[in-house]
């Protein structure tokens, strides 16, 4: 349901009361943005939506451009991303994304509870977390909600390993389609998702924001 300008005014007031200086929306389809634009929001970022069908017996690690996961990456044991580890994950998120888009530990905890079911995993090297993912499921729809790899550990296929794990989890639970979005200019991420079977969807998603003070 698209909110009214009255709804948005109430949200802005509530955010202002907490001391927030900026209010930002989640990813919106263009036909949902009108009341926000009327309320003084502006476009802060444009995202590309990708989707992949996940049939019962479709190999989840289908790969084209990125190649198969190297044995060295496959031998890394994925660990559950526990709430006590979110501050460390947030440090990776901050190093992986530009300042306005980085998530703190509280935001990552919110992402985990955004869907009825979720799976969160992390990669550790020499006792230090270097990558993590959070994926969700609602009915037969799956979502890759957050994926981050520390810049020092990139090009070692850890992102592909985490995606492979998430897709297998979804497949075991009868998910029929998986969605993910990423910045429209994030070519490495787009190439990764497309290499394992995701396809770009028509149109774009928009993130809007309004500065409060």
N, C-alpha and C. Protein backbone atom coordinates (compact mmCIF):
# COMPACT_ATOMS: atom_id res chain seq x y z
N UNK A 1 0.84 -1.19 0.00
CA UNK A 1 0.00 0.00 0.00
C UNK A 1 0.88 1.25 0.00
N UNK A 2 0.59 2.18 -0.88
CA UNK A 2 1.35 3.43 -0.96
C UNK A 2 0.88 4.37 0.14
N UNK A 3 1.79 4.91 0.95
CA UNK A 3 1.38 5.80 2.03
C UNK A 3 0.88 7.14 1.50
N UNK A 4 0.10 7.81 2.31
CA UNK A 4 -0.36 9.15 1.96
C UNK A 4 0.63 10.18 2.48
N UNK A 5 0.47 11.42 2.04
CA UNK A 5 1.36 12.48 2.54
C UNK A 5 1.15 12.68 4.04
N UNK A 6 -0.05 12.39 4.54
CA UNK A 6 -0.31 12.47 5.98
C UNK A 6 0.49 11.42 6.73
N UNK A 7 0.50 10.20 6.19
CA UNK A 7 1.31 9.14 6.81
C UNK A 7 2.78 9.54 6.85
N UNK A 8 3.26 10.08 5.76
CA UNK A 8 4.67 10.44 5.67
C UNK A 8 5.00 11.57 6.64
N UNK A 9 4.09 12.53 6.77
CA UNK A 9 4.31 13.64 7.71
C UNK A 9 4.44 13.11 9.14
N UNK A 10 3.65 12.11 9.48
CA UNK A 10 3.73 11.51 10.81
C UNK A 10 5.06 10.80 11.01
N UNK A 11 5.52 10.09 9.98
CA UNK A 11 6.81 9.40 10.09
C UNK A 11 7.95 10.40 10.24
N UNK A 12 7.87 11.50 9.50
CA UNK A 12 8.92 12.52 9.60
C UNK A 12 8.95 13.11 11.00
N UNK A 13 7.77 13.37 11.55
CA UNK A 13 7.69 13.93 12.91
C UNK A 13 8.27 12.96 13.93
N UNK A 14 7.95 11.68 13.78
CA UNK A 14 8.47 10.68 14.70
C UNK A 14 9.99 10.57 14.61
N UNK A 15 10.51 10.61 13.37
CA UNK A 15 11.95 10.54 13.18
C UNK A 15 12.64 11.77 13.76
N UNK A 16 12.04 12.94 13.53
CA UNK A 16 12.61 14.17 14.07
C UNK A 16 12.65 14.17 15.58
N UNK A 17 11.66 13.55 16.20
CA UNK A 17 11.60 13.50 17.66
C UNK A 17 12.72 12.65 18.25
N UNK A 18 13.25 11.73 17.45
CA UNK A 18 14.36 10.88 17.93
C UNK A 18 15.71 11.54 17.72
N UNK A 19 15.73 12.70 17.05
CA UNK A 19 16.98 13.38 16.78
C UNK A 19 17.57 13.09 15.42
N UNK A 20 16.83 12.36 14.58
CA UNK A 20 17.33 12.04 13.24
C UNK A 20 17.49 13.31 12.42
N UNK A 21 18.51 13.33 11.59
CA UNK A 21 18.75 14.48 10.73
C UNK A 21 18.37 14.21 9.28
N UNK A 22 18.26 12.94 8.92
CA UNK A 22 17.89 12.55 7.57
C UNK A 22 16.91 11.38 7.65
N UNK A 23 15.89 11.41 6.81
CA UNK A 23 14.96 10.29 6.69
C UNK A 23 15.13 9.70 5.29
N UNK A 24 15.31 8.38 5.23
CA UNK A 24 15.55 7.74 3.95
C UNK A 24 14.58 6.57 3.77
N UNK A 25 14.06 6.41 2.59
CA UNK A 25 13.14 5.30 2.31
C UNK A 25 13.92 4.04 1.98
N UNK A 26 13.21 2.92 1.95
CA UNK A 26 13.76 1.73 1.34
C UNK A 26 13.65 1.84 -0.16
N UNK A 27 13.94 0.75 -0.87
CA UNK A 27 13.86 0.76 -2.33
C UNK A 27 12.40 0.81 -2.77
N UNK A 28 12.06 1.77 -3.61
CA UNK A 28 10.68 1.98 -4.07
C UNK A 28 10.60 1.86 -5.59
N UNK A 29 9.50 1.31 -6.07
CA UNK A 29 9.23 1.39 -7.50
C UNK A 29 8.78 2.82 -7.82
N UNK A 30 9.08 3.30 -9.02
CA UNK A 30 8.76 4.70 -9.36
C UNK A 30 7.31 5.09 -9.13
N UNK A 31 6.37 4.15 -9.33
CA UNK A 31 4.96 4.52 -9.15
C UNK A 31 4.54 4.65 -7.69
N UNK A 32 5.50 4.42 -6.77
CA UNK A 32 5.21 4.59 -5.34
C UNK A 32 5.84 5.85 -4.75
N UNK A 33 6.52 6.63 -5.58
CA UNK A 33 7.31 7.73 -5.05
C UNK A 33 6.57 9.06 -4.94
N UNK A 34 5.43 9.21 -5.62
CA UNK A 34 4.77 10.52 -5.69
C UNK A 34 4.52 11.17 -4.33
N UNK A 35 3.91 10.47 -3.34
CA UNK A 35 3.66 11.15 -2.07
C UNK A 35 4.94 11.55 -1.35
N UNK A 36 6.02 10.80 -1.55
CA UNK A 36 7.29 11.18 -0.93
C UNK A 36 7.87 12.43 -1.58
N UNK A 37 7.80 12.49 -2.91
CA UNK A 37 8.30 13.66 -3.62
C UNK A 37 7.50 14.90 -3.23
N UNK A 38 6.19 14.72 -3.07
CA UNK A 38 5.33 15.84 -2.64
C UNK A 38 5.66 16.28 -1.22
N UNK A 39 6.28 15.39 -0.45
CA UNK A 39 6.62 15.69 0.95
C UNK A 39 8.05 16.18 1.11
N UNK A 40 8.69 16.52 0.01
CA UNK A 40 10.01 17.12 0.08
C UNK A 40 11.18 16.16 -0.03
N UNK A 41 10.92 14.90 -0.38
CA UNK A 41 12.01 13.95 -0.57
C UNK A 41 12.64 14.16 -1.94
N UNK A 42 13.88 13.67 -2.08
CA UNK A 42 14.57 13.70 -3.36
C UNK A 42 15.19 12.34 -3.62
N UNK A 43 15.54 12.08 -4.86
CA UNK A 43 16.16 10.80 -5.21
C UNK A 43 17.60 10.79 -4.70
N UNK A 44 17.91 9.80 -3.88
CA UNK A 44 19.26 9.67 -3.34
C UNK A 44 20.07 8.60 -4.05
N UNK A 45 19.40 7.59 -4.60
CA UNK A 45 20.13 6.54 -5.30
C UNK A 45 19.17 5.77 -6.21
N UNK A 46 19.72 5.18 -7.24
CA UNK A 46 18.95 4.36 -8.18
C UNK A 46 19.50 2.94 -8.15
N UNK A 47 18.61 1.97 -8.03
CA UNK A 47 19.01 0.57 -7.90
C UNK A 47 18.49 -0.25 -9.07
N UNK A 48 19.22 -1.31 -9.36
CA UNK A 48 18.78 -2.28 -10.35
C UNK A 48 18.23 -3.51 -9.62
N UNK A 49 17.06 -3.96 -10.02
CA UNK A 49 16.45 -5.16 -9.45
C UNK A 49 16.78 -6.35 -10.34
N UNK A 50 17.24 -7.43 -9.71
CA UNK A 50 17.53 -8.66 -10.43
C UNK A 50 16.73 -9.80 -9.82
N UNK A 51 16.40 -10.78 -10.64
CA UNK A 51 15.59 -11.90 -10.16
C UNK A 51 16.10 -13.19 -10.80
N UNK A 52 15.96 -14.27 -10.06
CA UNK A 52 16.33 -15.59 -10.56
C UNK A 52 15.29 -16.60 -10.14
N UNK A 53 14.84 -17.44 -11.10
CA UNK A 53 13.96 -18.55 -10.78
C UNK A 53 14.79 -19.61 -10.07
N UNK A 54 14.14 -20.33 -9.16
CA UNK A 54 14.84 -21.34 -8.38
C UNK A 54 14.00 -22.62 -8.38
N UNK A 55 14.03 -23.31 -9.50
CA UNK A 55 13.28 -24.56 -9.62
C UNK A 55 13.90 -25.62 -8.70
N UNK A 56 13.10 -26.64 -8.38
CA UNK A 56 13.52 -27.64 -7.40
C UNK A 56 14.86 -28.28 -7.71
N UNK A 57 15.13 -28.56 -8.98
CA UNK A 57 16.36 -29.27 -9.32
C UNK A 57 17.33 -28.46 -10.17
N UNK A 58 17.13 -27.15 -10.17
CA UNK A 58 18.07 -26.31 -10.90
C UNK A 58 19.37 -26.19 -10.11
N UNK A 59 20.54 -26.47 -10.71
CA UNK A 59 21.79 -26.29 -9.95
C UNK A 59 21.93 -24.85 -9.52
N UNK A 60 22.08 -24.62 -8.22
CA UNK A 60 22.12 -23.24 -7.74
C UNK A 60 23.44 -22.56 -8.04
N UNK A 61 24.48 -23.32 -8.30
CA UNK A 61 25.78 -22.70 -8.55
C UNK A 61 26.10 -22.58 -10.03
N UNK A 62 25.03 -22.42 -10.84
CA UNK A 62 25.24 -22.18 -12.25
C UNK A 62 26.13 -20.96 -12.43
N UNK A 63 27.14 -21.07 -13.21
CA UNK A 63 28.10 -19.98 -13.34
C UNK A 63 28.50 -19.79 -14.79
N UNK A 64 28.66 -18.54 -15.17
CA UNK A 64 29.14 -18.24 -16.53
C UNK A 64 30.39 -17.38 -16.42
N UNK A 65 30.20 -16.08 -16.22
CA UNK A 65 31.34 -15.18 -16.23
C UNK A 65 32.30 -15.35 -15.09
N UNK A 66 31.84 -15.74 -13.88
CA UNK A 66 32.74 -15.75 -12.74
C UNK A 66 33.51 -17.05 -12.59
N UNK A 67 33.10 -18.10 -13.28
CA UNK A 67 33.78 -19.37 -13.17
C UNK A 67 33.39 -20.11 -11.91
N UNK A 68 33.79 -21.38 -11.80
CA UNK A 68 33.43 -22.17 -10.62
C UNK A 68 34.14 -21.66 -9.38
N UNK A 69 33.58 -21.99 -8.22
CA UNK A 69 34.19 -21.57 -6.96
C UNK A 69 35.48 -22.36 -6.74
N UNK A 70 36.61 -21.70 -6.55
CA UNK A 70 37.88 -22.42 -6.36
C UNK A 70 37.83 -23.30 -5.12
N UNK A 71 38.63 -24.38 -5.13
CA UNK A 71 38.65 -25.29 -4.00
C UNK A 71 39.08 -24.58 -2.72
N UNK A 72 39.99 -23.61 -2.84
CA UNK A 72 40.46 -22.88 -1.66
C UNK A 72 39.31 -22.16 -0.97
N UNK A 73 38.39 -21.60 -1.76
CA UNK A 73 37.23 -20.93 -1.17
C UNK A 73 36.24 -21.94 -0.61
N UNK A 74 36.10 -23.07 -1.29
CA UNK A 74 35.14 -24.07 -0.82
C UNK A 74 35.54 -24.68 0.52
N UNK A 75 36.84 -24.69 0.82
CA UNK A 75 37.27 -25.27 2.08
C UNK A 75 37.07 -24.34 3.26
N UNK A 76 36.70 -23.09 3.01
CA UNK A 76 36.40 -22.16 4.09
C UNK A 76 35.07 -22.56 4.73
N UNK A 77 35.04 -22.68 6.04
CA UNK A 77 33.82 -23.06 6.72
C UNK A 77 33.00 -21.82 7.03
N UNK A 78 31.76 -21.81 6.55
CA UNK A 78 30.87 -20.70 6.85
C UNK A 78 30.37 -20.83 8.28
N UNK A 79 30.31 -19.70 8.96
CA UNK A 79 29.82 -19.67 10.33
C UNK A 79 28.53 -18.88 10.40
N UNK A 80 27.68 -19.25 11.32
CA UNK A 80 26.46 -18.48 11.53
C UNK A 80 26.82 -17.08 12.01
N UNK A 81 26.16 -16.09 11.44
CA UNK A 81 26.37 -14.71 11.86
C UNK A 81 25.45 -14.44 13.04
N UNK A 82 26.00 -14.49 14.22
CA UNK A 82 25.22 -14.34 15.45
C UNK A 82 25.08 -12.86 15.82
N UNK A 83 24.05 -12.53 16.62
CA UNK A 83 23.87 -11.13 17.03
C UNK A 83 25.11 -10.52 17.67
N UNK A 84 25.87 -11.33 18.41
CA UNK A 84 27.07 -10.81 19.07
C UNK A 84 28.17 -10.45 18.08
N UNK A 85 28.02 -10.87 16.81
CA UNK A 85 29.03 -10.62 15.79
C UNK A 85 28.67 -9.44 14.88
N UNK A 86 27.52 -8.80 15.14
CA UNK A 86 27.04 -7.78 14.22
C UNK A 86 27.92 -6.52 14.20
N UNK A 87 28.57 -6.20 15.31
CA UNK A 87 29.44 -5.02 15.29
C UNK A 87 30.63 -5.27 14.36
N UNK A 88 31.15 -6.49 14.36
CA UNK A 88 32.25 -6.82 13.46
C UNK A 88 31.76 -6.80 12.02
N UNK A 89 30.55 -7.32 11.78
CA UNK A 89 29.98 -7.29 10.44
C UNK A 89 29.76 -5.85 9.98
N UNK A 90 29.33 -5.00 10.90
CA UNK A 90 29.09 -3.60 10.54
C UNK A 90 30.39 -2.90 10.13
N UNK A 91 31.51 -3.29 10.73
CA UNK A 91 32.80 -2.72 10.31
C UNK A 91 33.10 -3.09 8.86
N UNK A 92 32.79 -4.35 8.49
CA UNK A 92 32.99 -4.77 7.09
C UNK A 92 32.05 -4.00 6.18
N UNK A 93 30.80 -3.85 6.61
CA UNK A 93 29.82 -3.12 5.81
C UNK A 93 30.28 -1.69 5.57
N UNK A 94 30.83 -1.06 6.60
CA UNK A 94 31.29 0.32 6.47
C UNK A 94 32.46 0.42 5.50
N UNK A 95 33.37 -0.57 5.52
CA UNK A 95 34.51 -0.53 4.61
C UNK A 95 34.11 -0.91 3.18
N UNK A 96 32.97 -1.57 3.03
CA UNK A 96 32.55 -2.05 1.71
C UNK A 96 31.68 -1.06 0.96
N UNK A 97 30.97 -0.19 1.69
CA UNK A 97 30.02 0.71 1.05
C UNK A 97 30.33 2.15 1.45
N UNK A 98 29.97 3.07 0.59
CA UNK A 98 30.20 4.47 0.88
C UNK A 98 29.38 4.90 2.09
N UNK A 99 29.78 5.96 2.72
CA UNK A 99 29.26 6.38 4.01
C UNK A 99 27.73 6.42 4.13
N UNK A 100 26.99 7.00 3.19
CA UNK A 100 25.55 7.09 3.42
C UNK A 100 24.85 5.74 3.43
N UNK A 101 25.47 4.71 2.84
CA UNK A 101 24.77 3.45 2.64
C UNK A 101 25.26 2.34 3.56
N UNK A 102 26.22 2.62 4.40
CA UNK A 102 26.72 1.60 5.32
C UNK A 102 25.71 1.36 6.45
N UNK A 103 25.64 0.12 6.91
CA UNK A 103 24.74 -0.25 8.01
C UNK A 103 25.52 -0.43 9.30
N UNK A 104 24.97 0.07 10.40
CA UNK A 104 25.55 -0.23 11.70
C UNK A 104 24.96 -1.53 12.21
N UNK A 105 25.37 -1.95 13.40
CA UNK A 105 24.91 -3.23 13.95
C UNK A 105 23.40 -3.26 14.11
N UNK A 106 22.81 -2.14 14.52
CA UNK A 106 21.36 -2.08 14.71
C UNK A 106 20.63 -2.27 13.39
N UNK A 107 21.13 -1.64 12.33
CA UNK A 107 20.50 -1.77 11.02
C UNK A 107 20.61 -3.19 10.50
N UNK A 108 21.75 -3.84 10.72
CA UNK A 108 21.90 -5.23 10.30
C UNK A 108 20.95 -6.14 11.06
N UNK A 109 20.73 -5.86 12.34
CA UNK A 109 19.76 -6.64 13.11
C UNK A 109 18.36 -6.46 12.55
N UNK A 110 18.03 -5.24 12.11
CA UNK A 110 16.72 -5.00 11.50
C UNK A 110 16.57 -5.77 10.20
N UNK A 111 17.65 -5.85 9.42
CA UNK A 111 17.60 -6.60 8.17
C UNK A 111 17.29 -8.07 8.44
N UNK A 112 17.87 -8.61 9.50
CA UNK A 112 17.64 -10.01 9.84
C UNK A 112 16.17 -10.30 10.14
N UNK A 113 15.48 -9.33 10.69
CA UNK A 113 14.08 -9.54 11.09
C UNK A 113 13.09 -8.99 10.07
N UNK A 114 13.58 -8.58 8.91
CA UNK A 114 12.69 -7.98 7.90
C UNK A 114 11.81 -9.01 7.22
N UNK A 115 12.19 -10.28 7.28
CA UNK A 115 11.40 -11.36 6.68
C UNK A 115 11.10 -12.39 7.76
N UNK A 116 10.07 -13.23 7.55
CA UNK A 116 9.73 -14.23 8.57
C UNK A 116 10.87 -15.20 8.89
N UNK A 117 11.69 -15.51 7.90
CA UNK A 117 12.80 -16.44 8.08
C UNK A 117 14.05 -15.85 7.45
N UNK A 118 15.18 -16.10 8.05
CA UNK A 118 16.42 -15.58 7.47
C UNK A 118 17.57 -16.56 7.69
N UNK A 119 18.59 -16.39 6.90
CA UNK A 119 19.83 -17.15 7.06
C UNK A 119 20.98 -16.16 6.97
N UNK A 120 21.84 -16.17 7.94
CA UNK A 120 22.98 -15.25 7.95
C UNK A 120 24.26 -16.06 8.18
N UNK A 121 25.24 -15.81 7.35
CA UNK A 121 26.49 -16.55 7.43
C UNK A 121 27.68 -15.60 7.27
N UNK A 122 28.84 -16.04 7.79
CA UNK A 122 30.04 -15.22 7.72
C UNK A 122 31.24 -16.08 7.35
N UNK A 123 32.25 -15.42 6.80
CA UNK A 123 33.51 -16.06 6.44
C UNK A 123 34.60 -15.47 7.32
N UNK A 124 35.44 -16.34 7.89
CA UNK A 124 36.52 -15.88 8.77
C UNK A 124 37.85 -16.40 8.26
N UNK A 125 38.86 -15.55 8.33
CA UNK A 125 40.23 -15.93 7.99
C UNK A 125 41.13 -15.51 9.15
N UNK A 126 41.91 -16.45 9.64
CA UNK A 126 42.84 -16.16 10.74
C UNK A 126 42.13 -15.50 11.92
N UNK A 127 40.93 -15.99 12.21
CA UNK A 127 40.19 -15.49 13.37
C UNK A 127 39.49 -14.17 13.16
N UNK A 128 39.49 -13.65 11.93
CA UNK A 128 38.87 -12.35 11.65
C UNK A 128 37.79 -12.51 10.58
N UNK A 129 36.62 -11.90 10.81
CA UNK A 129 35.56 -11.94 9.82
C UNK A 129 35.96 -11.10 8.62
N UNK A 130 35.75 -11.65 7.42
CA UNK A 130 36.12 -10.93 6.21
C UNK A 130 34.94 -10.79 5.24
N UNK A 131 33.82 -11.48 5.51
CA UNK A 131 32.66 -11.38 4.62
C UNK A 131 31.43 -11.90 5.36
N UNK A 132 30.26 -11.44 4.94
CA UNK A 132 29.03 -11.94 5.53
C UNK A 132 27.88 -11.75 4.55
N UNK A 133 26.81 -12.50 4.79
CA UNK A 133 25.60 -12.34 3.99
C UNK A 133 24.38 -12.52 4.89
N UNK A 134 23.31 -11.83 4.53
CA UNK A 134 22.01 -11.99 5.19
C UNK A 134 20.98 -12.20 4.09
N UNK A 135 20.26 -13.29 4.15
CA UNK A 135 19.21 -13.59 3.17
C UNK A 135 17.91 -13.88 3.90
N UNK A 136 16.80 -13.64 3.23
CA UNK A 136 15.50 -13.84 3.86
C UNK A 136 14.55 -14.63 2.99
N UNK A 137 13.49 -15.11 3.63
CA UNK A 137 12.46 -15.88 2.91
C UNK A 137 11.09 -15.50 3.43
N UNK A 138 10.16 -15.29 2.53
CA UNK A 138 8.75 -15.06 2.86
C UNK A 138 7.92 -15.87 1.88
N UNK A 139 7.19 -16.85 2.40
CA UNK A 139 6.47 -17.79 1.54
C UNK A 139 7.45 -18.43 0.56
N UNK A 140 7.21 -18.31 -0.74
CA UNK A 140 8.10 -18.93 -1.72
C UNK A 140 9.02 -17.92 -2.41
N UNK A 141 9.15 -16.74 -1.80
CA UNK A 141 10.04 -15.70 -2.34
C UNK A 141 11.27 -15.58 -1.45
N UNK A 142 12.43 -15.48 -2.09
CA UNK A 142 13.68 -15.32 -1.36
C UNK A 142 14.32 -13.98 -1.69
N UNK A 143 15.12 -13.48 -0.76
CA UNK A 143 15.74 -12.17 -0.91
C UNK A 143 17.19 -12.21 -0.43
N UNK A 144 18.09 -11.75 -1.28
CA UNK A 144 19.47 -11.52 -0.84
C UNK A 144 19.48 -10.10 -0.30
N UNK A 145 19.51 -9.98 1.01
CA UNK A 145 19.29 -8.67 1.64
C UNK A 145 20.57 -7.88 1.88
N UNK A 146 21.66 -8.57 2.19
CA UNK A 146 22.93 -7.86 2.38
C UNK A 146 24.08 -8.82 2.13
N UNK A 147 25.06 -8.34 1.41
CA UNK A 147 26.25 -9.13 1.10
C UNK A 147 27.43 -8.17 1.09
N UNK A 148 28.43 -8.44 1.91
CA UNK A 148 29.58 -7.54 1.98
C UNK A 148 30.86 -8.35 2.16
N UNK A 149 31.89 -7.95 1.45
CA UNK A 149 33.21 -8.56 1.56
C UNK A 149 34.21 -7.47 1.86
N UNK A 150 35.03 -7.67 2.86
CA UNK A 150 36.05 -6.69 3.19
C UNK A 150 36.95 -6.46 1.98
N UNK A 151 37.30 -5.21 1.68
CA UNK A 151 38.16 -4.94 0.52
C UNK A 151 39.45 -5.75 0.52
N UNK A 152 39.97 -6.09 1.69
CA UNK A 152 41.22 -6.85 1.76
C UNK A 152 41.05 -8.31 1.35
N UNK A 153 39.79 -8.78 1.27
CA UNK A 153 39.54 -10.20 0.97
C UNK A 153 38.79 -10.39 -0.34
N UNK A 154 38.74 -9.39 -1.17
CA UNK A 154 38.01 -9.51 -2.43
C UNK A 154 38.80 -10.33 -3.46
N UNK A 155 38.05 -10.76 -4.51
CA UNK A 155 38.60 -11.57 -5.60
C UNK A 155 39.05 -12.94 -5.12
N UNK A 156 38.44 -13.42 -4.04
CA UNK A 156 38.72 -14.78 -3.57
C UNK A 156 37.45 -15.63 -3.59
N UNK A 157 36.41 -15.11 -4.24
CA UNK A 157 35.14 -15.81 -4.47
C UNK A 157 34.34 -16.04 -3.19
N UNK A 158 34.59 -15.27 -2.14
CA UNK A 158 33.81 -15.43 -0.92
C UNK A 158 32.36 -14.99 -1.12
N UNK A 159 32.15 -13.95 -1.93
CA UNK A 159 30.78 -13.52 -2.21
C UNK A 159 30.01 -14.63 -2.92
N UNK A 160 30.64 -15.25 -3.90
CA UNK A 160 30.00 -16.33 -4.63
C UNK A 160 29.70 -17.52 -3.72
N UNK A 161 30.63 -17.80 -2.79
CA UNK A 161 30.43 -18.89 -1.84
C UNK A 161 29.23 -18.62 -0.94
N UNK A 162 29.10 -17.38 -0.46
CA UNK A 162 27.97 -17.02 0.40
C UNK A 162 26.65 -17.06 -0.36
N UNK A 163 26.67 -16.61 -1.62
CA UNK A 163 25.46 -16.68 -2.43
C UNK A 163 25.05 -18.12 -2.70
N UNK A 164 26.01 -18.97 -2.98
CA UNK A 164 25.74 -20.38 -3.22
C UNK A 164 25.05 -21.00 -1.99
N UNK A 165 25.57 -20.68 -0.82
CA UNK A 165 24.97 -21.19 0.42
C UNK A 165 23.55 -20.69 0.60
N UNK A 166 23.33 -19.40 0.35
CA UNK A 166 21.99 -18.82 0.53
C UNK A 166 20.98 -19.44 -0.44
N UNK A 167 21.40 -19.62 -1.69
CA UNK A 167 20.49 -20.18 -2.68
C UNK A 167 20.16 -21.64 -2.38
N UNK A 168 21.13 -22.38 -1.89
CA UNK A 168 20.85 -23.77 -1.51
C UNK A 168 19.86 -23.83 -0.34
N UNK A 169 20.03 -22.92 0.61
CA UNK A 169 19.08 -22.85 1.74
C UNK A 169 17.67 -22.56 1.24
N UNK A 170 17.55 -21.61 0.34
CA UNK A 170 16.24 -21.27 -0.21
C UNK A 170 15.65 -22.45 -0.99
N UNK A 171 16.49 -23.12 -1.76
CA UNK A 171 16.01 -24.24 -2.57
C UNK A 171 15.46 -25.35 -1.69
N UNK A 172 16.12 -25.62 -0.56
CA UNK A 172 15.64 -26.66 0.35
C UNK A 172 14.29 -26.31 0.95
N UNK A 173 13.94 -25.03 0.92
CA UNK A 173 12.68 -24.58 1.51
C UNK A 173 11.67 -24.15 0.45
N UNK A 174 11.83 -24.69 -0.75
CA UNK A 174 10.84 -24.54 -1.82
C UNK A 174 10.65 -23.10 -2.29
N UNK A 175 11.66 -22.27 -2.16
CA UNK A 175 11.58 -20.92 -2.73
C UNK A 175 11.57 -21.05 -4.26
N UNK A 176 10.69 -20.29 -4.89
CA UNK A 176 10.57 -20.39 -6.34
C UNK A 176 11.26 -19.25 -7.08
N UNK A 177 11.46 -18.11 -6.42
CA UNK A 177 12.15 -17.00 -7.07
C UNK A 177 12.93 -16.23 -6.02
N UNK A 178 14.07 -15.71 -6.45
CA UNK A 178 14.96 -14.97 -5.56
C UNK A 178 15.20 -13.60 -6.15
N UNK A 179 15.17 -12.58 -5.31
CA UNK A 179 15.38 -11.21 -5.76
C UNK A 179 16.53 -10.55 -5.00
N UNK A 180 17.19 -9.64 -5.68
CA UNK A 180 18.26 -8.86 -5.08
C UNK A 180 18.31 -7.52 -5.80
N UNK A 181 18.70 -6.49 -5.10
CA UNK A 181 18.93 -5.21 -5.78
C UNK A 181 20.30 -4.68 -5.40
N UNK A 182 20.85 -3.89 -6.29
CA UNK A 182 22.15 -3.29 -6.06
C UNK A 182 22.21 -1.97 -6.81
N UNK A 183 23.15 -1.14 -6.44
CA UNK A 183 23.28 0.16 -7.10
C UNK A 183 23.43 -0.02 -8.60
N UNK A 184 22.76 0.82 -9.36
CA UNK A 184 22.76 0.68 -10.82
C UNK A 184 24.15 0.82 -11.42
N UNK A 185 25.07 1.47 -10.72
CA UNK A 185 26.42 1.65 -11.25
C UNK A 185 27.43 0.69 -10.61
N UNK A 186 26.95 -0.29 -9.85
CA UNK A 186 27.85 -1.25 -9.19
C UNK A 186 28.09 -2.42 -10.14
N UNK A 187 28.96 -2.21 -11.10
CA UNK A 187 29.19 -3.20 -12.14
C UNK A 187 29.73 -4.53 -11.61
N UNK A 188 30.66 -4.55 -10.64
CA UNK A 188 31.13 -5.85 -10.13
C UNK A 188 30.00 -6.68 -9.52
N UNK A 189 29.10 -6.03 -8.76
CA UNK A 189 27.99 -6.77 -8.15
C UNK A 189 27.03 -7.27 -9.22
N UNK A 190 26.72 -6.43 -10.19
CA UNK A 190 25.82 -6.84 -11.26
C UNK A 190 26.41 -8.03 -12.03
N UNK A 191 27.70 -7.99 -12.30
CA UNK A 191 28.34 -9.09 -13.02
C UNK A 191 28.29 -10.38 -12.21
N UNK A 192 28.50 -10.27 -10.90
CA UNK A 192 28.44 -11.46 -10.04
C UNK A 192 27.06 -12.09 -10.07
N UNK A 193 26.02 -11.28 -9.85
CA UNK A 193 24.66 -11.83 -9.81
C UNK A 193 24.27 -12.43 -11.16
N UNK A 194 24.62 -11.75 -12.22
CA UNK A 194 24.27 -12.27 -13.54
C UNK A 194 25.03 -13.56 -13.85
N UNK A 195 26.24 -13.70 -13.31
CA UNK A 195 27.04 -14.89 -13.58
C UNK A 195 26.44 -16.14 -12.95
N UNK A 196 25.57 -15.99 -11.95
CA UNK A 196 24.95 -17.16 -11.32
C UNK A 196 23.45 -17.22 -11.62
N UNK A 197 23.05 -16.58 -12.70
CA UNK A 197 21.70 -16.80 -13.19
C UNK A 197 20.68 -15.73 -12.91
N UNK A 198 21.04 -14.65 -12.23
CA UNK A 198 20.09 -13.56 -12.00
C UNK A 198 19.94 -12.75 -13.29
N UNK A 199 18.74 -12.23 -13.50
CA UNK A 199 18.48 -11.41 -14.69
C UNK A 199 17.93 -10.05 -14.26
N UNK A 200 18.40 -9.02 -14.94
CA UNK A 200 17.92 -7.67 -14.64
C UNK A 200 16.45 -7.54 -15.01
N UNK A 201 15.71 -6.85 -14.15
CA UNK A 201 14.29 -6.64 -14.39
C UNK A 201 14.05 -5.24 -14.97
N UNK A 202 12.97 -5.07 -15.71
CA UNK A 202 12.68 -3.76 -16.31
C UNK A 202 12.49 -2.69 -15.23
N UNK A 203 12.82 -1.48 -15.59
CA UNK A 203 12.62 -0.37 -14.67
C UNK A 203 13.72 -0.30 -13.63
N UNK A 204 13.58 0.63 -12.71
CA UNK A 204 14.58 0.84 -11.67
C UNK A 204 13.88 1.03 -10.33
N UNK A 205 14.61 0.82 -9.27
CA UNK A 205 14.14 1.12 -7.93
C UNK A 205 14.81 2.41 -7.47
N UNK A 206 14.10 3.18 -6.67
CA UNK A 206 14.61 4.46 -6.20
C UNK A 206 14.65 4.49 -4.68
N UNK A 207 15.71 5.08 -4.16
CA UNK A 207 15.78 5.39 -2.74
C UNK A 207 15.67 6.90 -2.61
N UNK A 208 14.73 7.35 -1.79
CA UNK A 208 14.51 8.78 -1.59
C UNK A 208 14.93 9.18 -0.19
N UNK A 209 15.27 10.45 -0.03
CA UNK A 209 15.62 10.93 1.30
C UNK A 209 15.19 12.39 1.47
N UNK A 210 15.02 12.75 2.74
CA UNK A 210 14.71 14.15 3.06
C UNK A 210 15.57 14.56 4.25
N UNK A 211 16.25 15.68 4.09
CA UNK A 211 17.05 16.23 5.17
C UNK A 211 16.14 16.98 6.14
N UNK A 212 16.24 16.66 7.41
CA UNK A 212 15.38 17.27 8.42
C UNK A 212 15.97 18.52 9.04
N UNK A 213 17.29 18.54 9.13
CA UNK A 213 17.94 19.72 9.74
C UNK A 213 19.35 19.86 9.27
